[in-house]
Amino acid sequence: MSLTLAFNGFFTKESSGGGGYDFENALTFDGVNDNLTGNALTATGDFTLSVWLKPELSTASFQRFWLTENTGNDRVFFYQTEVFWRATGATNEVRWSYDYRTDVGAWHHYCFSRIGTTVRFYVDSVEQSYSVQNGNSSGFTAGTIMFNITQGQYPYKGLADEWAFKIGTGATQSDVDAIWNSGNGAAFDTVISSPDQYLKFNEATSYTGSTVADSSGNGNSMTMNNFTGTPFVPH
């Protein structure tokens, strides 16, 4: 069984104070239509997806944070009390019990890891319990981060930092612990080497361009769509 994960778009951090990882800057999403798009990446087996988020808007009746495929179908999203990992449309999904509303106004580390046929979801290095678990053997395609193409009334609002995607390696509990680092953070590539995409969102606060740099060396930078004002702020 295999899982195909392709994506064209992406995700944001806050300094933890003395002795922690220097997050530098983070990217602000305005909750209206900000999104990132770019090259498609495909995982046919194990993978790690890691990001730091500081949401500013609690969920109401619908999801607030997600990545989607180019046709607008949801793939990863947060409801009030559940997080969905959806492989093919409304089927072949995994759900975790998780109260997203408790995260508003604070930085947290989120990590999805697939090892073998199991996808695990961690928040601040704590593995979340399944509420529903189905097989994840079908193709997984994502195209846009932070904004639903067909349901734009429910976009993500908040900060994002340290988006990293690694093909072929699923993070273990010890890996996730190291990235979380008791809330102090750590550079993803010092824990899991050679990520396929690594967006640090460290563009200057005065940056007026339209591209988010990829620090992996693989040329997988992202295009910023609809961002205005000063989107990069200190983490």
C-alpha atoms as a PDB file:
ATOM      1  CA  MET A   1       0.000   0.000   0.000  1.00  0.00           C
ATOM      2  CA  SER A   2       1.235   3.496  -0.729  1.00  0.00           C
ATOM      3  CA  LEU A   3       0.216   7.064  -0.133  1.00  0.00           C
ATOM      4  CA  THR A   4       0.812   9.776  -2.691  1.00  0.00           C
ATOM      5  CA  LEU A   5       1.180  13.217  -1.247  1.00  0.00           C
ATOM      6  CA  ALA A   6       1.652  16.075  -3.674  1.00  0.00           C
ATOM      7  CA  PHE A   7       1.461  19.681  -2.838  1.00  0.00           C
ATOM      8  CA  ASN A   8       1.792  23.053  -4.402  1.00  0.00           C
ATOM      9  CA  GLY A   9       1.455  25.379  -1.484  1.00  0.00           C
ATOM     10  CA  PHE A  10       2.092  26.089   2.274  1.00  0.00           C
ATOM     11  CA  PHE A  11       2.196  27.285   6.276  1.00  0.00           C
ATOM     12  CA  THR A  12       4.294  29.807  10.543  1.00  0.00           C
ATOM     13  CA  LYS A  13       6.627  30.725  14.943  1.00  0.00           C
ATOM     14  CA  GLU A  14       7.319  32.945  18.237  1.00  0.00           C
ATOM     15  CA  SER A  15      10.667  33.259  20.006  1.00  0.00           C
ATOM     16  CA  SER A  16      10.779  31.140  23.080  1.00  0.00           C
ATOM     17  CA  GLY A  17      13.193  33.370  24.964  1.00  0.00           C
ATOM     18  CA  GLY A  18      16.576  32.623  26.474  1.00  0.00           C
ATOM     19  CA  GLY A  19      18.562  29.752  25.079  1.00  0.00           C
ATOM     20  CA  GLY A  20      15.938  28.509  22.630  1.00  0.00           C
ATOM     21  CA  TYR A  21      16.026  28.204  18.861  1.00  0.00           C
ATOM     22  CA  ASP A  22      16.137  31.544  17.052  1.00  0.00           C
ATOM     23  CA  PHE A  23      12.950  31.421  15.020  1.00  0.00           C
ATOM     24  CA  GLU A  24      13.624  34.905  13.603  1.00  0.00           C
ATOM     25  CA  ASN A  25      10.467  35.849  11.627  1.00  0.00           C
ATOM     26  CA  ALA A  26       7.102  34.253  10.905  1.00  0.00           C
ATOM     27  CA  LEU A  27       4.459  34.728   8.206  1.00  0.00           C
ATOM     28  CA  THR A  28       1.070  36.326   8.936  1.00  0.00           C
ATOM     29  CA  PHE A  29      -2.138  35.026   7.281  1.00  0.00           C
ATOM     30  CA  ASP A  30      -4.965  37.567   7.334  1.00  0.00           C
ATOM     31  CA  GLY A  31      -7.955  35.222   7.524  1.00  0.00           C
ATOM     32  CA  VAL A  32      -9.286  36.528   4.223  1.00  0.00           C
ATOM     33  CA  ASN A  33      -7.528  34.961   1.238  1.00  0.00           C
ATOM     34  CA  ASP A  34      -3.779  34.672   1.875  1.00  0.00           C
ATOM     35  CA  ASN A  35      -2.236  31.473   0.507  1.00  0.00           C
ATOM     36  CA  LEU A  36       0.994  29.982  -0.812  1.00  0.00           C
ATOM     37  CA  THR A  37       1.413  27.936  -3.984  1.00  0.00           C
ATOM     38  CA  GLY A  38       4.375  26.255  -5.636  1.00  0.00           C
ATOM     39  CA  ASN A  39       5.919  23.045  -6.919  1.00  0.00           C
ATOM     40  CA  ALA A  40       4.160  19.735  -6.423  1.00  0.00           C
ATOM     41  CA  LEU A  41       5.967  17.269  -4.170  1.00  0.00           C
ATOM     42  CA  THR A  42       5.005  13.598  -4.046  1.00  0.00           C
ATOM     43  CA  ALA A  43       5.494  11.078  -1.234  1.00  0.00           C
ATOM     44  CA  THR A  44       4.698   7.456  -2.060  1.00  0.00           C
ATOM     45  CA  GLY A  45       5.311   6.155   1.430  1.00  0.00           C
ATOM     46  CA  ASP A  46       6.700   7.532   4.674  1.00  0.00           C
ATOM     47  CA  PHE A  47       6.847  11.294   5.193  1.00  0.00           C
ATOM     48  CA  THR A  48       7.013  14.033   7.823  1.00  0.00           C
ATOM     49  CA  LEU A  49       5.114  17.311   7.723  1.00  0.00           C
ATOM     50  CA  SER A  50       6.017  19.815  10.445  1.00  0.00           C
ATOM     51  CA  VAL A  51       4.859  23.377  11.169  1.00  0.00           C
ATOM     52  CA  TRP A  52       4.581  25.891  14.021  1.00  0.00           C
ATOM     53  CA  LEU A  53       1.297  27.806  14.235  1.00  0.00           C
ATOM     54  CA  LYS A  54      -0.142  30.626  16.298  1.00  0.00           C
ATOM     55  CA  PRO A  55      -3.852  30.826  15.380  1.00  0.00           C
ATOM     56  CA  GLU A  56      -5.748  34.035  16.071  1.00  0.00           C
ATOM     57  CA  LEU A  57      -9.246  32.815  15.238  1.00  0.00           C
ATOM     58  CA  SER A  58     -11.094  29.941  16.909  1.00  0.00           C
ATOM     59  CA  THR A  59     -13.185  27.578  14.864  1.00  0.00           C
ATOM     60  CA  ALA A  60     -16.933  28.132  14.841  1.00  0.00           C
ATOM     61  CA  SER A  61     -18.823  25.620  12.727  1.00  0.00           C
ATOM     62  CA  PHE A  62     -16.170  24.961  10.109  1.00  0.00           C
ATOM     63  CA  GLN A  63     -12.467  24.346   9.685  1.00  0.00           C
ATOM     64  CA  ARG A  64     -10.013  27.226   9.931  1.00  0.00           C
ATOM     65  CA  PHE A  65      -6.662  25.778   8.932  1.00  0.00           C
ATOM     66  CA  TRP A  66      -5.965  23.393   6.064  1.00  0.00           C
ATOM     67  CA  LEU A  67      -4.095  22.396   3.009  1.00  0.00           C
ATOM     68  CA  THR A  68      -6.094  21.474  -0.081  1.00  0.00           C
ATOM     69  CA  GLU A  69      -5.624  19.992  -3.508  1.00  0.00           C
ATOM     70  CA  ASN A  70      -5.937  22.172  -6.604  1.00  0.00           C
ATOM     71  CA  THR A  71      -9.582  21.239  -7.161  1.00  0.00           C
ATOM     72  CA  GLY A  72     -10.451  22.622  -3.728  1.00  0.00           C
ATOM     73  CA  ASN A  73     -11.047  19.371  -1.853  1.00  0.00           C
ATOM     74  CA  ASP A  74      -9.972  19.475   1.789  1.00  0.00           C
ATOM     75  CA  ARG A  75      -7.020  17.312   2.780  1.00  0.00           C
ATOM     76  CA  VAL A  76      -5.882  18.426   6.247  1.00  0.00           C
ATOM     77  CA  PHE A  77      -8.101  20.631   8.353  1.00  0.00           C
ATOM     78  CA  PHE A  78      -9.174  21.483  11.897  1.00  0.00           C
ATOM     79  CA  TYR A  79     -12.721  21.372  13.176  1.00  0.00           C
ATOM     80  CA  GLN A  80     -13.627  22.524  16.688  1.00  0.00           C
ATOM     81  CA  THR A  81     -12.701  19.239  18.335  1.00  0.00           C
ATOM     82  CA  GLU A  82     -11.199  17.099  15.571  1.00  0.00           C
ATOM     83  CA  VAL A  83      -8.357  17.196  13.076  1.00  0.00           C
ATOM     84  CA  PHE A  84      -8.867  15.419   9.752  1.00  0.00           C
ATOM     85  CA  TRP A  85      -6.278  13.805   7.522  1.00  0.00           C
ATOM     86  CA  ARG A  86      -8.163  12.962   4.342  1.00  0.00           C
ATOM     87  CA  ALA A  87      -6.574  10.835   1.628  1.00  0.00           C
ATOM     88  CA  THR A  88      -9.350  10.699  -0.957  1.00  0.00           C
ATOM     89  CA  GLY A  89     -12.274  13.064  -0.696  1.00  0.00           C
ATOM     90  CA  ALA A  90     -14.632  12.258   2.178  1.00  0.00           C
ATOM     91  CA  THR A  91     -13.361   8.694   2.554  1.00  0.00           C
ATOM     92  CA  ASN A  92     -10.143   6.995   3.615  1.00  0.00           C
ATOM     93  CA  GLU A  93      -9.576   9.525   6.387  1.00  0.00           C
ATOM     94  CA  VAL A  94      -7.985   9.634   9.815  1.00  0.00           C
ATOM     95  CA  ARG A  95      -9.388  11.835  12.595  1.00  0.00           C
ATOM     96  CA  TRP A  96      -7.858  12.857  15.872  1.00  0.00           C
ATOM     97  CA  SER A  97      -9.681  14.261  18.884  1.00  0.00           C
ATOM     98  CA  TYR A  98      -8.224  17.723  19.424  1.00  0.00           C
ATOM     99  CA  ASP A  99      -9.684  20.999  20.680  1.00  0.00           C
ATOM    100  CA  TYR A 100      -8.327  23.587  18.262  1.00  0.00           C
ATOM    101  CA  ARG A 101      -9.989  26.427  20.164  1.00  0.00           C
ATOM    102  CA  THR A 102      -7.571  26.084  23.056  1.00  0.00           C
ATOM    103  CA  ASP A 103      -4.694  27.067  20.769  1.00  0.00           C
ATOM    104  CA  VAL A 104      -5.820  30.610  19.990  1.00  0.00           C
ATOM    105  CA  GLY A 105      -3.174  33.194  20.822  1.00  0.00           C
ATOM    106  CA  ALA A 106      -0.332  30.758  21.538  1.00  0.00           C
ATOM    107  CA  TRP A 107       2.398  29.059  19.528  1.00  0.00           C
ATOM    108  CA  HIS A 108       2.225  25.283  19.085  1.00  0.00           C
ATOM    109  CA  HIS A 109       4.124  22.711  17.071  1.00  0.00           C
ATOM    110  CA  TYR A 110       2.109  20.410  14.806  1.00  0.00           C
ATOM    111  CA  CYS A 111       3.560  17.335  13.144  1.00  0.00           C
ATOM    112  CA  PHE A 112       2.085  14.663  10.876  1.00  0.00           C
ATOM    113  CA  SER A 113       4.162  11.525  10.423  1.00  0.00           C
ATOM    114  CA  ARG A 114       3.498   8.494   8.280  1.00  0.00           C
ATOM    115  CA  ILE A 115       5.456   5.321   9.019  1.00  0.00           C
ATOM    116  CA  GLY A 116       4.255   2.258   7.142  1.00  0.00           C
ATOM    117  CA  THR A 117       0.468   2.491   6.854  1.00  0.00           C
ATOM    118  CA  THR A 118      -0.112   4.644   9.935  1.00  0.00           C
ATOM    119  CA  VAL A 119      -0.357   8.438  10.014  1.00  0.00           C
ATOM    120  CA  ARG A 120       0.226   9.985  13.432  1.00  0.00           C
ATOM    121  CA  PHE A 121      -0.536  13.523  14.573  1.00  0.00           C
ATOM    122  CA  TYR A 122       1.448  15.284  17.312  1.00  0.00           C
ATOM    123  CA  VAL A 123       0.800  18.585  19.083  1.00  0.00           C
ATOM    124  CA  ASP A 124       3.725  19.903  21.126  1.00  0.00           C
ATOM    125  CA  SER A 125       5.289  16.425  20.886  1.00  0.00           C
ATOM    126  CA  VAL A 126       2.197  14.698  22.343  1.00  0.00           C
ATOM    127  CA  GLU A 127       0.648  12.082  20.058  1.00  0.00           C
ATOM    128  CA  GLN A 128      -3.085  12.707  19.696  1.00  0.00           C
ATOM    129  CA  SER A 129      -5.596   9.870  20.043  1.00  0.00           C
ATOM    130  CA  TYR A 130      -7.575   8.595  17.084  1.00  0.00           C
ATOM    131  CA  SER A 131     -11.313   9.089  16.961  1.00  0.00           C
ATOM    132  CA  VAL A 132     -11.538   7.426  13.525  1.00  0.00           C
ATOM    133  CA  GLN A 133      -8.813   5.540  11.723  1.00  0.00           C
ATOM    134  CA  ASN A 134      -9.176   4.174   8.213  1.00  0.00           C
ATOM    135  CA  GLY A 135      -6.505   2.853   5.856  1.00  0.00           C
ATOM    136  CA  ASN A 136      -4.293   5.530   4.319  1.00  0.00           C
ATOM    137  CA  SER A 137      -3.226   3.716   1.168  1.00  0.00           C
ATOM    138  CA  SER A 138      -4.797   5.944  -1.472  1.00  0.00           C
ATOM    139  CA  GLY A 139      -3.342   8.976  -3.200  1.00  0.00           C
ATOM    140  CA  PHE A 140      -3.014  12.199  -1.236  1.00  0.00           C
ATOM    141  CA  THR A 141      -2.879  15.432  -3.218  1.00  0.00           C
ATOM    142  CA  ALA A 142      -2.584  18.956  -1.860  1.00  0.00           C
ATOM    143  CA  GLY A 143      -2.148  22.180  -3.713  1.00  0.00           C
ATOM    144  CA  THR A 144      -2.759  25.227  -1.516  1.00  0.00           C
ATOM    145  CA  ILE A 145      -1.871  25.999   2.059  1.00  0.00           C
ATOM    146  CA  MET A 146      -3.993  28.035   4.490  1.00  0.00           C
ATOM    147  CA  PHE A 147      -6.883  28.725   2.138  1.00  0.00           C
ATOM    148  CA  ASN A 148      -9.748  26.614   0.794  1.00  0.00           C
ATOM    149  CA  ILE A 149     -10.210  27.328  -2.902  1.00  0.00           C
ATOM    150  CA  THR A 150     -13.926  26.550  -2.997  1.00  0.00           C
ATOM    151  CA  GLN A 151     -14.802  27.609   0.552  1.00  0.00           C
ATOM    152  CA  GLY A 152     -12.785  30.780   0.943  1.00  0.00           C
ATOM    153  CA  GLN A 153     -15.038  32.032   3.739  1.00  0.00           C
ATOM    154  CA  TYR A 154     -13.147  29.826   6.205  1.00  0.00           C
ATOM    155  CA  PRO A 155      -9.446  30.632   5.712  1.00  0.00           C
ATOM    156  CA  TYR A 156      -6.774  30.452   8.383  1.00  0.00           C
ATOM    157  CA  LYS A 157      -5.979  33.583  10.410  1.00  0.00           C
ATOM    158  CA  GLY A 158      -2.790  33.709  12.403  1.00  0.00           C
ATOM    159  CA  LEU A 159       0.949  33.131  12.168  1.00  0.00           C
ATOM    160  CA  ALA A 160       2.905  30.232  10.696  1.00  0.00           C
ATOM    161  CA  ASP A 161       6.570  29.293  10.859  1.00  0.00           C
ATOM    162  CA  GLU A 162       9.122  26.573  10.103  1.00  0.00           C
ATOM    163  CA  TRP A 163       7.118  24.623   7.524  1.00  0.00           C
ATOM    164  CA  ALA A 164       9.049  21.460   6.624  1.00  0.00           C
ATOM    165  CA  PHE A 165       8.250  18.435   4.479  1.00  0.00           C
ATOM    166  CA  LYS A 166      10.413  15.330   4.239  1.00  0.00           C
ATOM    167  CA  ILE A 167       9.753  12.514   1.769  1.00  0.00           C
ATOM    168  CA  GLY A 168      10.762   8.980   2.709  1.00  0.00           C
ATOM    169  CA  THR A 169      11.165   9.500   6.463  1.00  0.00           C
ATOM    170  CA  GLY A 170       8.442   9.447   9.074  1.00  0.00           C
ATOM    171  CA  ALA A 171       9.268  11.282  12.296  1.00  0.00           C
ATOM    172  CA  THR A 172       9.501   9.090  15.388  1.00  0.00           C
ATOM    173  CA  GLN A 173       8.400  10.196  18.831  1.00  0.00           C
ATOM    174  CA  SER A 174      11.995  11.091  19.684  1.00  0.00           C
ATOM    175  CA  ASP A 175      12.275  13.164  16.490  1.00  0.00           C
ATOM    176  CA  VAL A 176       9.119  15.095  17.352  1.00  0.00           C
ATOM    177  CA  ASP A 177      10.372  15.598  20.915  1.00  0.00           C
ATOM    178  CA  ALA A 178      13.610  17.055  19.536  1.00  0.00           C
ATOM    179  CA  ILE A 179      11.838  19.478  17.167  1.00  0.00           C
ATOM    180  CA  TRP A 180       9.469  20.597  19.943  1.00  0.00           C
ATOM    181  CA  ASN A 181      12.368  20.837  22.402  1.00  0.00           C
ATOM    182  CA  SER A 182      10.147  21.639  25.397  1.00  0.00           C
ATOM    183  CA  GLY A 183       8.681  24.559  23.482  1.00  0.00           C
ATOM    184  CA  ASN A 184      12.090  26.075  22.701  1.00  0.00           C
ATOM    185  CA  GLY A 185      12.091  24.728  19.159  1.00  0.00           C
ATOM    186  CA  ALA A 186      14.876  23.361  16.973  1.00  0.00           C
ATOM    187  CA  ALA A 187      15.823  23.630  13.319  1.00  0.00           C
ATOM    188  CA  PHE A 188      13.995  20.838  11.508  1.00  0.00           C
ATOM    189  CA  ASP A 189      17.034  19.835   9.445  1.00  0.00           C
ATOM    190  CA  THR A 190      19.149  19.292  12.561  1.00  0.00           C
ATOM    191  CA  VAL A 191      16.718  16.552  13.593  1.00  0.00           C
ATOM    192  CA  ILE A 192      15.635  15.105  10.236  1.00  0.00           C
ATOM    193  CA  SER A 193      18.256  15.688   7.584  1.00  0.00           C
ATOM    194  CA  SER A 194      17.737  16.812   3.996  1.00  0.00           C
ATOM    195  CA  PRO A 195      14.093  17.949   3.980  1.00  0.00           C
ATOM    196  CA  ASP A 196      12.545  18.227   0.539  1.00  0.00           C
ATOM    197  CA  GLN A 197      11.060  21.599   1.412  1.00  0.00           C
ATOM    198  CA  TYR A 198      11.863  23.879   4.336  1.00  0.00           C
ATOM    199  CA  LEU A 199      10.184  27.276   4.568  1.00  0.00           C
ATOM    200  CA  LYS A 200      11.586  29.253   7.504  1.00  0.00           C
ATOM    201  CA  PHE A 201       9.587  32.420   6.713  1.00  0.00           C
ATOM    202  CA  ASN A 202      12.621  34.510   7.650  1.00  0.00           C
ATOM    203  CA  GLU A 203      12.125  37.164   4.984  1.00  0.00           C
ATOM    204  CA  ALA A 204      12.742  40.631   6.409  1.00  0.00           C
ATOM    205  CA  THR A 205       9.889  42.608   7.929  1.00  0.00           C
ATOM    206  CA  SER A 206      10.521  45.146   5.160  1.00  0.00           C
ATOM    207  CA  TYR A 207      10.285  42.487   2.426  1.00  0.00           C
ATOM    208  CA  THR A 208       8.094  43.524  -0.509  1.00  0.00           C
ATOM    209  CA  GLY A 209       8.594  40.531  -2.785  1.00  0.00           C
ATOM    210  CA  SER A 210       6.169  37.714  -3.567  1.00  0.00           C
ATOM    211  CA  THR A 211       8.261  34.580  -2.927  1.00  0.00           C
ATOM    212  CA  VAL A 212       8.939  32.575   0.230  1.00  0.00           C
ATOM    213  CA  ALA A 213      12.415  31.043   0.090  1.00  0.00           C
ATOM    214  CA  ASP A 214      13.005  27.308   0.404  1.00  0.00           C
ATOM    215  CA  SER A 215      15.975  26.604   2.682  1.00  0.00           C
ATOM    216  CA  SER A 216      16.238  22.928   1.704  1.00  0.00           C
ATOM    217  CA  GLY A 217      18.355  23.641  -1.370  1.00  0.00           C
ATOM    218  CA  ASN A 218      15.814  21.879  -3.603  1.00  0.00           C
ATOM    219  CA  GLY A 219      14.365  25.002  -5.170  1.00  0.00           C
ATOM    220  CA  ASN A 220      10.867  24.507  -3.753  1.00  0.00           C
ATOM    221  CA  SER A 221      10.148  28.137  -2.955  1.00  0.00           C
ATOM    222  CA  MET A 222       6.523  29.258  -2.703  1.00  0.00           C
ATOM    223  CA  THR A 223       4.581  32.098  -4.309  1.00  0.00           C
ATOM    224  CA  MET A 224       2.731  34.441  -1.960  1.00  0.00           C
ATOM    225  CA  ASN A 225      -0.799  35.182  -3.101  1.00  0.00           C
ATOM    226  CA  ASN A 226      -2.915  38.107  -1.788  1.00  0.00           C
ATOM    227  CA  PHE A 227      -0.522  39.093   1.007  1.00  0.00           C
ATOM    228  CA  THR A 228      -0.440  42.846   1.710  1.00  0.00           C
ATOM    229  CA  GLY A 229       1.115  45.200   4.214  1.00  0.00           C
ATOM    230  CA  THR A 230       3.857  43.672   6.403  1.00  0.00           C
ATOM    231  CA  PRO A 231       3.278  39.904   6.403  1.00  0.00           C
ATOM    232  CA  PHE A 232       6.614  38.946   8.020  1.00  0.00           C
ATOM    233  CA  VAL A 233       6.836  39.645  11.746  1.00  0.00           C
ATOM    234  CA  PRO A 234       9.136  38.514  14.577  1.00  0.00           C
ATOM    235  CA  HIS A 235       8.304  35.095  16.018  1.00  0.00           C
END
